[in-house]
Amino acid sequence: MLAPDIGFIIAARIPPTLPGGFVPFAPDLAVEVVSPGNTKDEIHKKVELYLRYGTRLVWIVDPKRQSIQVYQPNGADNQATVTYLGIANTLDGAAVLPGFTLPLRELFAA
């Protein structure tokens, strides 16, 4: 079982009844926050699994480096497009969260 630190599911995909606990399908957006105990291999495997099972957007948030890696499937044999964002960039929700934007400078201000 795999559960992101934060997950978002588009309302139209939520069935009328859900079992208790975790939902039995991939979220549209998965957010993982890198913690000191995470390895690069562990994070990479999570991204791979999210994308394989239908997640349309993955954000890997690295507070220490004040950066975010954005993964989106590109439809070519389980390949993904990766975008690296730094403190001067703005995160957006792509097709999953249209209109959502967040300057990373604001996110990492604290």
PDB file of N, CA and C in Angstrom:
ATOM      1  N   MET A   1       0.850  -1.170   0.000  1.00  0.00           N
ATOM      2  CA  MET A   1       0.000   0.000   0.000  1.00  0.00           C
ATOM      3  C   MET A   1       0.896   1.232   0.000  1.00  0.00           C
ATOM      4  N   LEU A   2       0.486   2.214  -0.762  1.00  0.00           N
ATOM      5  CA  LEU A   2       1.251   3.450  -0.891  1.00  0.00           C
ATOM      6  C   LEU A   2       0.298   4.616  -0.686  1.00  0.00           C
ATOM      7  N   ALA A   3       0.678   5.525   0.188  1.00  0.00           N
ATOM      8  CA  ALA A   3      -0.151   6.699   0.444  1.00  0.00           C
ATOM      9  C   ALA A   3       0.739   7.935   0.454  1.00  0.00           C
ATOM     10  N   PRO A   4       0.383   8.953  -0.333  1.00  0.00           N
ATOM     11  CA  PRO A   4       1.201  10.168  -0.366  1.00  0.00           C
ATOM     12  C   PRO A   4       1.030  10.972   0.916  1.00  0.00           C
ATOM     13  N   ASP A   5       1.950  11.893   1.146  1.00  0.00           N
ATOM     14  CA  ASP A   5       1.799  12.806   2.276  1.00  0.00           C
ATOM     15  C   ASP A   5       0.536  13.642   2.102  1.00  0.00           C
ATOM     16  N   ILE A   6       0.290  14.058   0.861  1.00  0.00           N
ATOM     17  CA  ILE A   6      -0.949  14.760   0.504  1.00  0.00           C
ATOM     18  C   ILE A   6      -1.439  14.174  -0.809  1.00  0.00           C
ATOM     19  N   GLY A   7      -2.720  13.875  -0.882  1.00  0.00           N
ATOM     20  CA  GLY A   7      -3.307  13.378  -2.116  1.00  0.00           C
ATOM     21  C   GLY A   7      -4.547  14.182  -2.463  1.00  0.00           C
ATOM     22  N   PHE A   8      -4.792  14.328  -3.752  1.00  0.00           N
ATOM     23  CA  PHE A   8      -5.981  15.037  -4.224  1.00  0.00           C
ATOM     24  C   PHE A   8      -6.649  14.185  -5.282  1.00  0.00           C
ATOM     25  N   ILE A   9      -7.958  14.029  -5.150  1.00  0.00           N
ATOM     26  CA  ILE A   9      -8.750  13.269  -6.123  1.00  0.00           C
ATOM     27  C   ILE A   9      -9.832  14.198  -6.656  1.00  0.00           C
ATOM     28  N   ILE A  10      -9.941  14.277  -7.965  1.00  0.00           N
ATOM     29  CA  ILE A  10     -10.972  15.104  -8.594  1.00  0.00           C
ATOM     30  C   ILE A  10     -12.339  14.562  -8.188  1.00  0.00           C
ATOM     31  N   ALA A  11     -13.250  15.454  -7.822  1.00  0.00           N
ATOM     32  CA  ALA A  11     -14.561  15.078  -7.289  1.00  0.00           C
ATOM     33  C   ALA A  11     -15.298  14.073  -8.181  1.00  0.00           C
ATOM     34  N   ALA A  12     -15.206  14.226  -9.484  1.00  0.00           N
ATOM     35  CA  ALA A  12     -15.920  13.340 -10.407  1.00  0.00           C
ATOM     36  C   ALA A  12     -15.450  11.880 -10.306  1.00  0.00           C
ATOM     37  N   ARG A  13     -14.261  11.655  -9.772  1.00  0.00           N
ATOM     38  CA  ARG A  13     -13.715  10.296  -9.649  1.00  0.00           C
ATOM     39  C   ARG A  13     -14.042   9.626  -8.314  1.00  0.00           C
ATOM     40  N   ILE A  14     -14.624  10.366  -7.390  1.00  0.00           N
ATOM     41  CA  ILE A  14     -14.895   9.810  -6.066  1.00  0.00           C
ATOM     42  C   ILE A  14     -16.218   9.044  -6.100  1.00  0.00           C
ATOM     43  N   PRO A  15     -16.180   7.736  -5.803  1.00  0.00           N
ATOM     44  CA  PRO A  15     -17.423   6.954  -5.803  1.00  0.00           C
ATOM     45  C   PRO A  15     -18.335   7.370  -4.646  1.00  0.00           C
ATOM     46  N   PRO A  16     -19.626   7.061  -4.749  1.00  0.00           N
ATOM     47  CA  PRO A  16     -20.577   7.474  -3.712  1.00  0.00           C
ATOM     48  C   PRO A  16     -20.235   6.921  -2.324  1.00  0.00           C
ATOM     49  N   THR A  17     -19.663   5.725  -2.277  1.00  0.00           N
ATOM     50  CA  THR A  17     -19.262   5.160  -0.987  1.00  0.00           C
ATOM     51  C   THR A  17     -17.807   4.731  -1.056  1.00  0.00           C
ATOM     52  N   LEU A  18     -17.124   5.005   0.014  1.00  0.00           N
ATOM     53  CA  LEU A  18     -15.711   4.634   0.112  1.00  0.00           C
ATOM     54  C   LEU A  18     -15.504   3.792   1.356  1.00  0.00           C
ATOM     55  N   PRO A  19     -14.588   2.843   1.285  1.00  0.00           N
ATOM     56  CA  PRO A  19     -14.270   2.089   2.498  1.00  0.00           C
ATOM     57  C   PRO A  19     -13.518   2.994   3.473  1.00  0.00           C
ATOM     58  N   GLY A  20     -13.509   2.605   4.745  1.00  0.00           N
ATOM     59  CA  GLY A  20     -12.732   3.367   5.720  1.00  0.00           C
ATOM     60  C   GLY A  20     -11.249   3.251   5.416  1.00  0.00           C
ATOM     61  N   GLY A  21     -10.488   4.242   5.831  1.00  0.00           N
ATOM     62  CA  GLY A  21      -9.047   4.198   5.600  1.00  0.00           C
ATOM     63  C   GLY A  21      -8.669   4.790   4.260  1.00  0.00           C
ATOM     64  N   PHE A  22      -7.693   4.162   3.625  1.00  0.00           N
ATOM     65  CA  PHE A  22      -7.178   4.659   2.353  1.00  0.00           C
ATOM     66  C   PHE A  22      -8.123   4.338   1.201  1.00  0.00           C
ATOM     67  N   VAL A  23      -8.146   5.227   0.200  1.00  0.00           N
ATOM     68  CA  VAL A  23      -8.949   4.953  -0.989  1.00  0.00           C
ATOM     69  C   VAL A  23      -8.245   3.871  -1.813  1.00  0.00           C
ATOM     70  N   PRO A  24      -9.007   3.029  -2.500  1.00  0.00           N
ATOM     71  CA  PRO A  24      -8.404   1.905  -3.224  1.00  0.00           C
ATOM     72  C   PRO A  24      -7.970   2.230  -4.659  1.00  0.00           C
ATOM     73  N   PHE A  25      -7.599   3.483  -4.916  1.00  0.00           N
ATOM     74  CA  PHE A  25      -7.139   3.867  -6.246  1.00  0.00           C
ATOM     75  C   PHE A  25      -6.171   5.038  -6.112  1.00  0.00           C
ATOM     76  N   ALA A  26      -5.445   5.297  -7.193  1.00  0.00           N
ATOM     77  CA  ALA A  26      -4.424   6.336  -7.180  1.00  0.00           C
ATOM     78  C   ALA A  26      -5.054   7.730  -7.182  1.00  0.00           C
ATOM     79  N   PRO A  27      -4.438   8.675  -6.477  1.00  0.00           N
ATOM     80  CA  PRO A  27      -4.936  10.051  -6.528  1.00  0.00           C
ATOM     81  C   PRO A  27      -4.569  10.711  -7.851  1.00  0.00           C
ATOM     82  N   ASP A  28      -5.260  11.785  -8.180  1.00  0.00           N
ATOM     83  CA  ASP A  28      -4.902  12.558  -9.376  1.00  0.00           C
ATOM     84  C   ASP A  28      -3.606  13.323  -9.142  1.00  0.00           C
ATOM     85  N   LEU A  29      -3.415  13.794  -7.914  1.00  0.00           N
ATOM     86  CA  LEU A  29      -2.202  14.500  -7.514  1.00  0.00           C
ATOM     87  C   LEU A  29      -1.659  13.828  -6.265  1.00  0.00           C
ATOM     88  N   ALA A  30      -0.376  13.489  -6.280  1.00  0.00           N
ATOM     89  CA  ALA A  30       0.304  12.960  -5.102  1.00  0.00           C
ATOM     90  C   ALA A  30       1.429  13.914  -4.737  1.00  0.00           C
ATOM     91  N   VAL A  31       1.487  14.277  -3.467  1.00  0.00           N
ATOM     92  CA  VAL A  31       2.542  15.158  -2.978  1.00  0.00           C
ATOM     93  C   VAL A  31       3.347  14.399  -1.935  1.00  0.00           C
ATOM     94  N   GLU A  32       4.637  14.304  -2.160  1.00  0.00           N
ATOM     95  CA  GLU A  32       5.552  13.692  -1.192  1.00  0.00           C
ATOM     96  C   GLU A  32       6.493  14.776  -0.700  1.00  0.00           C
ATOM     97  N   VAL A  33       6.637  14.880   0.608  1.00  0.00           N
ATOM     98  CA  VAL A  33       7.567  15.823   1.214  1.00  0.00           C
ATOM     99  C   VAL A  33       8.791  15.028   1.645  1.00  0.00           C
ATOM    100  N   VAL A  34       9.941  15.384   1.117  1.00  0.00           N
ATOM    101  CA  VAL A  34      11.175  14.672   1.419  1.00  0.00           C
ATOM    102  C   VAL A  34      11.562  14.950   2.868  1.00  0.00           C
ATOM    103  N   SER A  35      11.804  13.875   3.597  1.00  0.00           N
ATOM    104  CA  SER A  35      12.265  14.011   4.971  1.00  0.00           C
ATOM    105  C   SER A  35      13.684  13.457   5.064  1.00  0.00           C
ATOM    106  N   PRO A  36      14.403  13.780   6.134  1.00  0.00           N
ATOM    107  CA  PRO A  36      15.800  13.343   6.237  1.00  0.00           C
ATOM    108  C   PRO A  36      16.002  11.832   6.074  1.00  0.00           C
ATOM    109  N   GLY A  37      15.031  11.033   6.438  1.00  0.00           N
ATOM    110  CA  GLY A  37      15.169   9.587   6.342  1.00  0.00           C
ATOM    111  C   GLY A  37      14.889   9.003   4.963  1.00  0.00           C
ATOM    112  N   ASN A  38      14.376   9.811   4.026  1.00  0.00           N
ATOM    113  CA  ASN A  38      14.071   9.318   2.684  1.00  0.00           C
ATOM    114  C   ASN A  38      15.335   9.184   1.845  1.00  0.00           C
ATOM    115  N   THR A  39      15.405   8.084   1.067  1.00  0.00           N
ATOM    116  CA  THR A  39      16.499   7.937   0.114  1.00  0.00           C
ATOM    117  C   THR A  39      16.001   8.322  -1.270  1.00  0.00           C
ATOM    118  N   LYS A  40      16.927   8.634  -2.168  1.00  0.00           N
ATOM    119  CA  LYS A  40      16.541   8.955  -3.541  1.00  0.00           C
ATOM    120  C   LYS A  40      15.842   7.775  -4.187  1.00  0.00           C
ATOM    121  N   ASP A  41      16.330   6.557  -3.931  1.00  0.00           N
ATOM    122  CA  ASP A  41      15.705   5.362  -4.508  1.00  0.00           C
ATOM    123  C   ASP A  41      14.272   5.187  -4.015  1.00  0.00           C
ATOM    124  N   GLU A  42      14.049   5.444  -2.741  1.00  0.00           N
ATOM    125  CA  GLU A  42      12.713   5.323  -2.165  1.00  0.00           C
ATOM    126  C   GLU A  42      11.750   6.312  -2.828  1.00  0.00           C
ATOM    127  N   ILE A  43      12.180   7.549  -2.972  1.00  0.00           N
ATOM    128  CA  ILE A  43      11.341   8.569  -3.609  1.00  0.00           C
ATOM    129  C   ILE A  43      11.081   8.204  -5.067  1.00  0.00           C
ATOM    130  N   HIS A  44      12.130   7.781  -5.774  1.00  0.00           N
ATOM    131  CA  HIS A  44      11.988   7.399  -7.180  1.00  0.00           C
ATOM    132  C   HIS A  44      10.974   6.265  -7.339  1.00  0.00           C
ATOM    133  N   LYS A  45      11.025   5.273  -6.467  1.00  0.00           N
ATOM    134  CA  LYS A  45      10.098   4.136  -6.535  1.00  0.00           C
ATOM    135  C   LYS A  45       8.651   4.601  -6.309  1.00  0.00           C
ATOM    136  N   LYS A  46       8.459   5.514  -5.356  1.00  0.00           N
ATOM    137  CA  LYS A  46       7.114   6.039  -5.111  1.00  0.00           C
ATOM    138  C   LYS A  46       6.575   6.752  -6.349  1.00  0.00           C
ATOM    139  N   VAL A  47       7.406   7.602  -6.946  1.00  0.00           N
ATOM    140  CA  VAL A  47       6.980   8.319  -8.152  1.00  0.00           C
ATOM    141  C   VAL A  47       6.601   7.320  -9.238  1.00  0.00           C
ATOM    142  N   GLU A  48       7.449   6.330  -9.429  1.00  0.00           N
ATOM    143  CA  GLU A  48       7.191   5.305 -10.448  1.00  0.00           C
ATOM    144  C   GLU A  48       5.850   4.611 -10.213  1.00  0.00           C
ATOM    145  N   LEU A  49       5.566   4.248  -8.973  1.00  0.00           N
ATOM    146  CA  LEU A  49       4.304   3.565  -8.658  1.00  0.00           C
ATOM    147  C   LEU A  49       3.103   4.487  -8.841  1.00  0.00           C
ATOM    148  N   TYR A  50       3.200   5.716  -8.371  1.00  0.00           N
ATOM    149  CA  TYR A  50       2.073   6.643  -8.565  1.00  0.00           C
ATOM    150  C   TYR A  50       1.731   6.772 -10.044  1.00  0.00           C
ATOM    151  N   LEU A  51       2.739   7.006 -10.862  1.00  0.00           N
ATOM    152  CA  LEU A  51       2.494   7.190 -12.294  1.00  0.00           C
ATOM    153  C   LEU A  51       1.989   5.916 -12.951  1.00  0.00           C
ATOM    154  N   ARG A  52       2.525   4.780 -12.564  1.00  0.00           N
ATOM    155  CA  ARG A  52       2.102   3.496 -13.139  1.00  0.00           C
ATOM    156  C   ARG A  52       0.620   3.235 -12.870  1.00  0.00           C
ATOM    157  N   TYR A  53       0.142   3.633 -11.699  1.00  0.00           N
ATOM    158  CA  TYR A  53      -1.237   3.334 -11.335  1.00  0.00           C
ATOM    159  C   TYR A  53      -2.214   4.477 -11.590  1.00  0.00           C
ATOM    160  N   GLY A  54      -1.775   5.496 -12.330  1.00  0.00           N
ATOM    161  CA  GLY A  54      -2.742   6.476 -12.815  1.00  0.00           C
ATOM    162  C   GLY A  54      -2.672   7.874 -12.245  1.00  0.00           C
ATOM    163  N   THR A  55      -1.753   8.146 -11.358  1.00  0.00           N
ATOM    164  CA  THR A  55      -1.619   9.514 -10.852  1.00  0.00           C
ATOM    165  C   THR A  55      -1.155  10.407 -11.992  1.00  0.00           C
ATOM    166  N   ARG A  56      -1.808  11.552 -12.133  1.00  0.00           N
ATOM    167  CA  ARG A  56      -1.534  12.435 -13.274  1.00  0.00           C
ATOM    168  C   ARG A  56      -0.521  13.529 -12.976  1.00  0.00           C
ATOM    169  N   LEU A  57      -0.220  13.736 -11.707  1.00  0.00           N
ATOM    170  CA  LEU A  57       0.696  14.792 -11.326  1.00  0.00           C
ATOM    171  C   LEU A  57       1.314  14.414  -9.982  1.00  0.00           C
ATOM    172  N   VAL A  58       2.651  14.453  -9.905  1.00  0.00           N
ATOM    173  CA  VAL A  58       3.358  14.148  -8.661  1.00  0.00           C
ATOM    174  C   VAL A  58       4.285  15.311  -8.349  1.00  0.00           C
ATOM    175  N   TRP A  59       4.181  15.799  -7.119  1.00  0.00           N
ATOM    176  CA  TRP A  59       5.080  16.840  -6.648  1.00  0.00           C
ATOM    177  C   TRP A  59       5.965  16.254  -5.556  1.00  0.00           C
ATOM    178  N   ILE A  60       7.271  16.352  -5.729  1.00  0.00           N
ATOM    179  CA  ILE A  60       8.216  15.958  -4.690  1.00  0.00           C
ATOM    180  C   ILE A  60       8.775  17.255  -4.106  1.00  0.00           C
ATOM    181  N   VAL A  61       8.381  17.533  -2.889  1.00  0.00           N
ATOM    182  CA  VAL A  61       8.751  18.778  -2.221  1.00  0.00           C
ATOM    183  C   VAL A  61       9.972  18.519  -1.343  1.00  0.00           C
ATOM    184  N   ASP A  62      11.033  19.275  -1.573  1.00  0.00           N
ATOM    185  CA  ASP A  62      12.262  19.130  -0.793  1.00  0.00           C
ATOM    186  C   ASP A  62      12.495  20.423  -0.003  1.00  0.00           C
ATOM    187  N   PRO A  63      12.035  20.453   1.252  1.00  0.00           N
ATOM    188  CA  PRO A  63      12.168  21.672   2.052  1.00  0.00           C
ATOM    189  C   PRO A  63      13.630  22.095   2.261  1.00  0.00           C
ATOM    190  N   LYS A  64      14.517  21.128   2.427  1.00  0.00           N
ATOM    191  CA  LYS A  64      15.924  21.455   2.672  1.00  0.00           C
ATOM    192  C   LYS A  64      16.537  22.201   1.489  1.00  0.00           C
ATOM    193  N   ARG A  65      16.220  21.745   0.275  1.00  0.00           N
ATOM    194  CA  ARG A  65      16.760  22.380  -0.938  1.00  0.00           C
ATOM    195  C   ARG A  65      15.857  23.484  -1.470  1.00  0.00           C
ATOM    196  N   GLN A  66      14.713  23.669  -0.839  1.00  0.00           N
ATOM    197  CA  GLN A  66      13.709  24.639  -1.266  1.00  0.00           C
ATOM    198  C   GLN A  66      13.412  24.466  -2.760  1.00  0.00           C
ATOM    199  N   SER A  67      13.049  23.239  -3.104  1.00  0.00           N
ATOM    200  CA  SER A  67      12.768  22.918  -4.503  1.00  0.00           C
ATOM    201  C   SER A  67      11.638  21.902  -4.589  1.00  0.00           C
ATOM    202  N   ILE A  68      11.079  21.805  -5.791  1.00  0.00           N
ATOM    203  CA  ILE A  68      10.029  20.824  -6.071  1.00  0.00           C
ATOM    204  C   ILE A  68      10.331  20.195  -7.420  1.00  0.00           C
ATOM    205  N   GLN A  69      10.185  18.881  -7.469  1.00  0.00           N
ATOM    206  CA  GLN A  69      10.256  18.154  -8.732  1.00  0.00           C
ATOM    207  C   GLN A  69       8.822  17.822  -9.124  1.00  0.00           C
ATOM    208  N   VAL A  70       8.466  18.137 -10.351  1.00  0.00           N
ATOM    209  CA  VAL A  70       7.118  17.903 -10.855  1.00  0.00           C
ATOM    210  C   VAL A  70       7.191  16.792 -11.903  1.00  0.00           C
ATOM    211  N   TYR A  71       6.432  15.719 -11.683  1.00  0.00           N
ATOM    212  CA  TYR A  71       6.405  14.583 -12.606  1.00  0.00           C
ATOM    213  C   TYR A  71       5.021  14.484 -13.221  1.00  0.00           C
ATOM    214  N   GLN A  72       4.994  14.314 -14.547  1.00  0.00           N
ATOM    215  CA  GLN A  72       3.739  14.095 -15.268  1.00  0.00           C
ATOM    216  C   GLN A  72       3.962  12.994 -16.293  1.00  0.00           C
ATOM    217  N   PRO A  73       3.036  12.036 -16.389  1.00  0.00           N
ATOM    218  CA  PRO A  73       3.205  10.999 -17.412  1.00  0.00           C
ATOM    219  C   PRO A  73       3.133  11.629 -18.798  1.00  0.00           C
ATOM    220  N   ASN A  74       3.954  11.135 -19.713  1.00  0.00           N
ATOM    221  CA  ASN A  74       3.881  11.685 -21.073  1.00  0.00           C
ATOM    222  C   ASN A  74       3.330  10.677 -22.064  1.00  0.00           C
ATOM    223  N   GLY A  75       2.844   9.535 -21.555  1.00  0.00           N
ATOM    224  CA  GLY A  75       2.173   8.564 -22.398  1.00  0.00           C
ATOM    225  C   GLY A  75       3.064   7.649 -23.200  1.00  0.00           C
ATOM    226  N   ALA A  76       4.357   7.778 -23.087  1.00  0.00           N
ATOM    227  CA  ALA A  76       5.273   6.965 -23.890  1.00  0.00           C
ATOM    228  C   ALA A  76       5.938   5.903 -23.024  1.00  0.00           C
ATOM    229  N   ASP A  77       5.381   4.699 -23.039  1.00  0.00           N
ATOM    230  CA  ASP A  77       5.988   3.556 -22.349  1.00  0.00           C
ATOM    231  C   ASP A  77       6.403   3.866 -20.916  1.00  0.00           C
ATOM    232  N   ASN A  78       5.453   4.317 -20.115  1.00  0.00           N
ATOM    233  CA  ASN A  78       5.712   4.614 -18.705  1.00  0.00           C
ATOM    234  C   ASN A  78       6.797   5.667 -18.482  1.00  0.00           C
ATOM    235  N   GLN A  79       6.981   6.551 -19.424  1.00  0.00           N
ATOM    236  CA  GLN A  79       7.934   7.641 -19.278  1.00  0.00           C
ATOM    237  C   GLN A  79       7.219   8.842 -18.642  1.00  0.00           C
ATOM    238  N   ALA A  80       8.014   9.701 -18.035  1.00  0.00           N
ATOM    239  CA  ALA A  80       7.449  10.886 -17.403  1.00  0.00           C
ATOM    240  C   ALA A  80       8.260  12.111 -17.792  1.00  0.00           C
ATOM    241  N   THR A  81       7.570  13.235 -17.796  1.00  0.00           N
ATOM    242  CA  THR A  81       8.230  14.512 -17.960  1.00  0.00           C
ATOM    243  C   THR A  81       8.526  15.037 -16.557  1.00  0.00           C
ATOM    244  N   VAL A  82       9.750  15.472 -16.337  1.00  0.00           N
ATOM    245  CA  VAL A  82      10.152  15.982 -15.032  1.00  0.00           C
ATOM    246  C   VAL A  82      10.543  17.448 -15.175  1.00  0.00           C
ATOM    247  N   THR A  83       9.994  18.262 -14.299  1.00  0.00           N
ATOM    248  CA  THR A  83      10.337  19.673 -14.255  1.00  0.00           C
ATOM    249  C   THR A  83      10.885  19.974 -12.866  1.00  0.00           C
ATOM    250  N   TYR A  84      12.027  20.639 -12.819  1.00  0.00           N
ATOM    251  CA  TYR A  84      12.650  21.012 -11.555  1.00  0.00           C
ATOM    252  C   TYR A  84      12.385  22.486 -11.291  1.00  0.00           C
ATOM    253  N   LEU A  85      11.817  22.774 -10.122  1.00  0.00           N
ATOM    254  CA  LEU A  85      11.490  24.148  -9.758  1.00  0.00           C
ATOM    255  C   LEU A  85      12.297  24.572  -8.544  1.00  0.00           C
ATOM    256  N   GLY A  86      12.847  25.767  -8.616  1.00  0.00           N
ATOM    257  CA  GLY A  86      13.582  26.337  -7.501  1.00  0.00           C
ATOM    258  C   GLY A  86      12.826  27.493  -6.889  1.00  0.00           C
ATOM    259  N   ILE A  87      13.435  28.110  -5.920  1.00  0.00           N
ATOM    260  CA  ILE A  87      12.806  29.164  -5.135  1.00  0.00           C
ATOM    261  C   ILE A  87      12.273  30.321  -5.980  1.00  0.00           C
ATOM    262  N   ALA A  88      12.843  30.575  -7.140  1.00  0.00           N
ATOM    263  CA  ALA A  88      12.404  31.679  -7.995  1.00  0.00           C
ATOM    264  C   ALA A  88      11.246  31.298  -8.911  1.00  0.00           C
ATOM    265  N   ASN A  89      10.839  30.016  -8.900  1.00  0.00           N
ATOM    266  CA  ASN A  89       9.794  29.538  -9.807  1.00  0.00           C
ATOM    267  C   ASN A  89       8.425  29.520  -9.140  1.00  0.00           C
ATOM    268  N   THR A  90       7.406  29.294  -9.949  1.00  0.00           N
ATOM    269  CA  THR A  90       6.032  29.184  -9.475  1.00  0.00           C
ATOM    270  C   THR A  90       5.493  27.805  -9.832  1.00  0.00           C
ATOM    271  N   LEU A  91       4.944  27.137  -8.851  1.00  0.00           N
ATOM    272  CA  LEU A  91       4.314  25.832  -9.035  1.00  0.00           C
ATOM    273  C   LEU A  91       2.919  26.040  -9.588  1.00  0.00           C
ATOM    274  N   ASP A  92       2.495  25.178 -10.515  1.00  0.00           N
ATOM    275  CA  ASP A  92       1.109  25.260 -10.996  1.00  0.00           C
ATOM    276  C   ASP A  92       0.477  23.871 -10.968  1.00  0.00           C
ATOM    277  N   GLY A  93      -0.833  23.853 -11.043  1.00  0.00           N
ATOM    278  CA  GLY A  93      -1.580  22.608 -10.939  1.00  0.00           C
ATOM    279  C   GLY A  93      -1.815  21.886 -12.240  1.00  0.00           C
ATOM    280  N   ALA A  94      -1.257  22.391 -13.336  1.00  0.00           N
ATOM    281  CA  ALA A  94      -1.408  21.767 -14.660  1.00  0.00           C
ATOM    282  C   ALA A  94      -2.888  21.473 -14.917  1.00  0.00           C
ATOM    283  N   ALA A  95      -3.185  20.366 -15.574  1.00  0.00           N
ATOM    284  CA  ALA A  95      -4.574  20.023 -15.908  1.00  0.00           C
ATOM    285  C   ALA A  95      -5.334  19.448 -14.707  1.00  0.00           C
ATOM    286  N   VAL A  96      -4.610  19.065 -13.656  1.00  0.00           N
ATOM    287  CA  VAL A  96      -5.252  18.473 -12.481  1.00  0.00           C
ATOM    288  C   VAL A  96      -5.903  19.543 -11.613  1.00  0.00           C
ATOM    289  N   LEU A  97      -5.220  20.650 -11.429  1.00  0.00           N
ATOM    290  CA  LEU A  97      -5.740  21.776 -10.644  1.00  0.00           C
ATOM    291  C   LEU A  97      -5.625  23.056 -11.481  1.00  0.00           C
ATOM    292  N   PRO A  98      -6.462  23.184 -12.522  1.00  0.00           N
ATOM    293  CA  PRO A  98      -6.345  24.352 -13.391  1.00  0.00           C
ATOM    294  C   PRO A  98      -6.516  25.654 -12.605  1.00  0.00           C
ATOM    295  N   GLY A  99      -5.639  26.591 -12.874  1.00  0.00           N
ATOM    296  CA  GLY A  99      -5.716  27.889 -12.221  1.00  0.00           C
ATOM    297  C   GLY A  99      -4.934  27.978 -10.916  1.00  0.00           C
ATOM    298  N   PHE A 100      -4.486  26.859 -10.381  1.00  0.00           N
ATOM    299  CA  PHE A 100      -3.712  26.885  -9.138  1.00  0.00           C
ATOM    300  C   PHE A 100      -2.278  27.302  -9.431  1.00  0.00           C
ATOM    301  N   THR A 101      -1.796  28.285  -8.707  1.00  0.00           N
ATOM    302  CA  THR A 101      -0.386  28.673  -8.774  1.00  0.00           C
ATOM    303  C   THR A 101       0.096  29.014  -7.371  1.00  0.00           C
ATOM    304  N   LEU A 102       1.378  28.755  -7.127  1.00  0.00           N
ATOM    305  CA  LEU A 102       1.984  29.066  -5.844  1.00  0.00           C
ATOM    306  C   LEU A 102       3.452  29.381  -6.047  1.00  0.00           C
ATOM    307  N   PRO A 103       3.852  30.642  -5.828  1.00  0.00           N
ATOM    308  CA  PRO A 103       5.268  30.954  -5.909  1.00  0.00           C
ATOM    309  C   PRO A 103       6.025  30.193  -4.818  1.00  0.00           C
ATOM    310  N   LEU A 104       7.107  29.527  -5.192  1.00  0.00           N
ATOM    311  CA  LEU A 104       7.852  28.748  -4.213  1.00  0.00           C
ATOM    312  C   LEU A 104       8.460  29.641  -3.136  1.00  0.00           C
ATOM    313  N   ARG A 105       8.751  30.866  -3.470  1.00  0.00           N
ATOM    314  CA  ARG A 105       9.265  31.801  -2.469  1.00  0.00           C
ATOM    315  C   ARG A 105       8.276  31.930  -1.311  1.00  0.00           C
ATOM    316  N   GLU A 106       6.962  31.924  -1.615  1.00  0.00           N
ATOM    317  CA  GLU A 106       5.935  31.988  -0.574  1.00  0.00           C
ATOM    318  C   GLU A 106       5.850  30.682   0.196  1.00  0.00           C
ATOM    319  N   LEU A 107       5.924  29.562  -0.515  1.00  0.00           N
ATOM    320  CA  LEU A 107       5.820  28.254   0.136  1.00  0.00           C
ATOM    321  C   LEU A 107       6.949  28.050   1.142  1.00  0.00           C
ATOM    322  N   PHE A 108       8.160  28.429   0.767  1.00  0.00           N
ATOM    323  CA  PHE A 108       9.315  28.183   1.616  1.00  0.00           C
ATOM    324  C   PHE A 108       9.682  29.382   2.498  1.00  0.00           C
ATOM    325  N   ALA A 109       8.821  30.375   2.576  1.00  0.00           N
ATOM    326  CA  ALA A 109       9.111  31.576   3.367  1.00  0.00           C
ATOM    327  C   ALA A 109       9.308  31.265   4.849  1.00  0.00           C
ATOM    328  N   ALA A 110       8.575  30.323   5.357  1.00  0.00           N
ATOM    329  CA  ALA A 110       8.675  29.990   6.793  1.00  0.00           C
ATOM    330  C   ALA A 110       9.958  29.248   7.015  1.00  0.00           C
TER     331      ALA A 110
END
